[in-house]
């Protein structure tokens, strides 16, 4: 699956209701687990995590001073 240009993966584990996920931004690979019975909710949680990580790597605009 792809969210905002970032490919990610969500897969069920052997334990019901636990999903593992992974995505990569640049050279950083992020992995983790989330607990939910609904696969779409697991995917949405990963998308929110991607949004947070993208916000961290976006260059912040410098304020312009006018004289």
C-alpha atoms as a PDB file:
ATOM      1  CA  UNK A   1       0.000   0.000   0.000  1.00  0.00           C
ATOM      2  CA  UNK A   2       1.109   3.591  -0.524  1.00  0.00           C
ATOM      3  CA  UNK A   3       0.328   6.694   1.541  1.00  0.00           C
ATOM      4  CA  UNK A   4       1.665  10.100   0.473  1.00  0.00           C
ATOM      5  CA  UNK A   5       4.312   8.434  -1.672  1.00  0.00           C
ATOM      6  CA  UNK A   6       5.510   6.135   1.125  1.00  0.00           C
ATOM      7  CA  UNK A   7       5.062   2.419   0.592  1.00  0.00           C
ATOM      8  CA  UNK A   8       4.002   0.557   3.717  1.00  0.00           C
ATOM      9  CA  UNK A   9       3.029  -2.942   4.752  1.00  0.00           C
ATOM     10  CA  UNK A  10       0.520  -4.141   7.341  1.00  0.00           C
ATOM     11  CA  UNK A  11       0.276  -7.874   8.056  1.00  0.00           C
ATOM     12  CA  UNK A  12      -1.476  -9.983  10.682  1.00  0.00           C
ATOM     13  CA  UNK A  13       0.619 -11.865  13.229  1.00  0.00           C
ATOM     14  CA  UNK A  14      -0.039 -15.310  14.667  1.00  0.00           C
ATOM     15  CA  UNK A  15      -1.808 -13.576  17.570  1.00  0.00           C
ATOM     16  CA  UNK A  16      -5.352 -12.516  16.613  1.00  0.00           C
ATOM     17  CA  UNK A  17      -5.857  -8.759  16.750  1.00  0.00           C
ATOM     18  CA  UNK A  18      -2.148  -7.902  16.494  1.00  0.00           C
ATOM     19  CA  UNK A  19      -0.814  -6.434  13.246  1.00  0.00           C
ATOM     20  CA  UNK A  20       2.793  -5.733  12.340  1.00  0.00           C
ATOM     21  CA  UNK A  21       3.672  -2.859  10.072  1.00  0.00           C
ATOM     22  CA  UNK A  22       6.696  -1.440   8.272  1.00  0.00           C
ATOM     23  CA  UNK A  23       7.537   1.558   6.117  1.00  0.00           C
ATOM     24  CA  UNK A  24      10.641   3.361   4.923  1.00  0.00           C
ATOM     25  CA  UNK A  25      11.316   7.067   4.534  1.00  0.00           C
ATOM     26  CA  UNK A  26      14.712   7.720   2.996  1.00  0.00           C
ATOM     27  CA  UNK A  27      17.195   5.430   4.689  1.00  0.00           C
ATOM     28  CA  UNK A  28      15.099   5.038   7.853  1.00  0.00           C
ATOM     29  CA  UNK A  29      13.004   1.895   8.184  1.00  0.00           C
ATOM     30  CA  UNK A  30      10.259   2.035  10.792  1.00  0.00           C
ATOM     31  CA  UNK A  31       8.584  -1.103  12.110  1.00  0.00           C
ATOM     32  CA  UNK A  32       6.103  -1.820  14.835  1.00  0.00           C
ATOM     33  CA  UNK A  33       2.920  -3.503  15.951  1.00  0.00           C
ATOM     34  CA  UNK A  34      -0.579  -2.299  16.600  1.00  0.00           C
ATOM     35  CA  UNK A  35      -3.508  -3.952  18.306  1.00  0.00           C
ATOM     36  CA  UNK A  36      -6.926  -3.907  16.658  1.00  0.00           C
ATOM     37  CA  UNK A  37      -9.351  -6.427  15.262  1.00  0.00           C
ATOM     38  CA  UNK A  38     -10.009  -4.338  12.147  1.00  0.00           C
ATOM     39  CA  UNK A  39      -7.397  -4.393   9.379  1.00  0.00           C
ATOM     40  CA  UNK A  40      -8.455  -0.995   8.006  1.00  0.00           C
ATOM     41  CA  UNK A  41      -7.904   0.584  11.423  1.00  0.00           C
ATOM     42  CA  UNK A  42      -4.422  -0.944  11.551  1.00  0.00           C
ATOM     43  CA  UNK A  43      -3.673   0.581   8.132  1.00  0.00           C
ATOM     44  CA  UNK A  44      -5.023   3.972   9.242  1.00  0.00           C
ATOM     45  CA  UNK A  45      -2.787   3.954  12.308  1.00  0.00           C
ATOM     46  CA  UNK A  46       0.233   3.326  10.093  1.00  0.00           C
ATOM     47  CA  UNK A  47      -0.836   6.185   7.814  1.00  0.00           C
ATOM     48  CA  UNK A  48      -1.006   8.518  10.808  1.00  0.00           C
ATOM     49  CA  UNK A  49       2.472   7.374  11.862  1.00  0.00           C
ATOM     50  CA  UNK A  50       3.753   8.074   8.332  1.00  0.00           C
ATOM     51  CA  UNK A  51       2.224  11.568   8.522  1.00  0.00           C
ATOM     52  CA  UNK A  52       4.090  12.245  11.799  1.00  0.00           C
ATOM     53  CA  UNK A  53       7.376  10.984  10.398  1.00  0.00           C
ATOM     54  CA  UNK A  54       7.005  13.025   7.194  1.00  0.00           C
ATOM     55  CA  UNK A  55       6.342  16.133   9.267  1.00  0.00           C
ATOM     56  CA  UNK A  56       9.649  15.551  11.092  1.00  0.00           C
ATOM     57  CA  UNK A  57      11.702  15.365   7.882  1.00  0.00           C
ATOM     58  CA  UNK A  58      10.039  18.285   6.067  1.00  0.00           C
ATOM     59  CA  UNK A  59      12.248  21.367   6.036  1.00  0.00           C
ATOM     60  CA  UNK A  60      10.768  24.091   8.184  1.00  0.00           C
ATOM     61  CA  UNK A  61      10.441  27.453   6.414  1.00  0.00           C
ATOM     62  CA  UNK A  62      12.582  30.183   7.883  1.00  0.00           C
ATOM     63  CA  UNK A  63      10.746  33.369   8.780  1.00  0.00           C
ATOM     64  CA  UNK A  64      11.426  36.340   6.529  1.00  0.00           C
ATOM     65  CA  UNK A  65      12.197  39.619   8.235  1.00  0.00           C
ATOM     66  CA  UNK A  66      11.047  42.822   6.576  1.00  0.00           C
ATOM     67  CA  UNK A  67      12.736  46.108   7.351  1.00  0.00           C
END
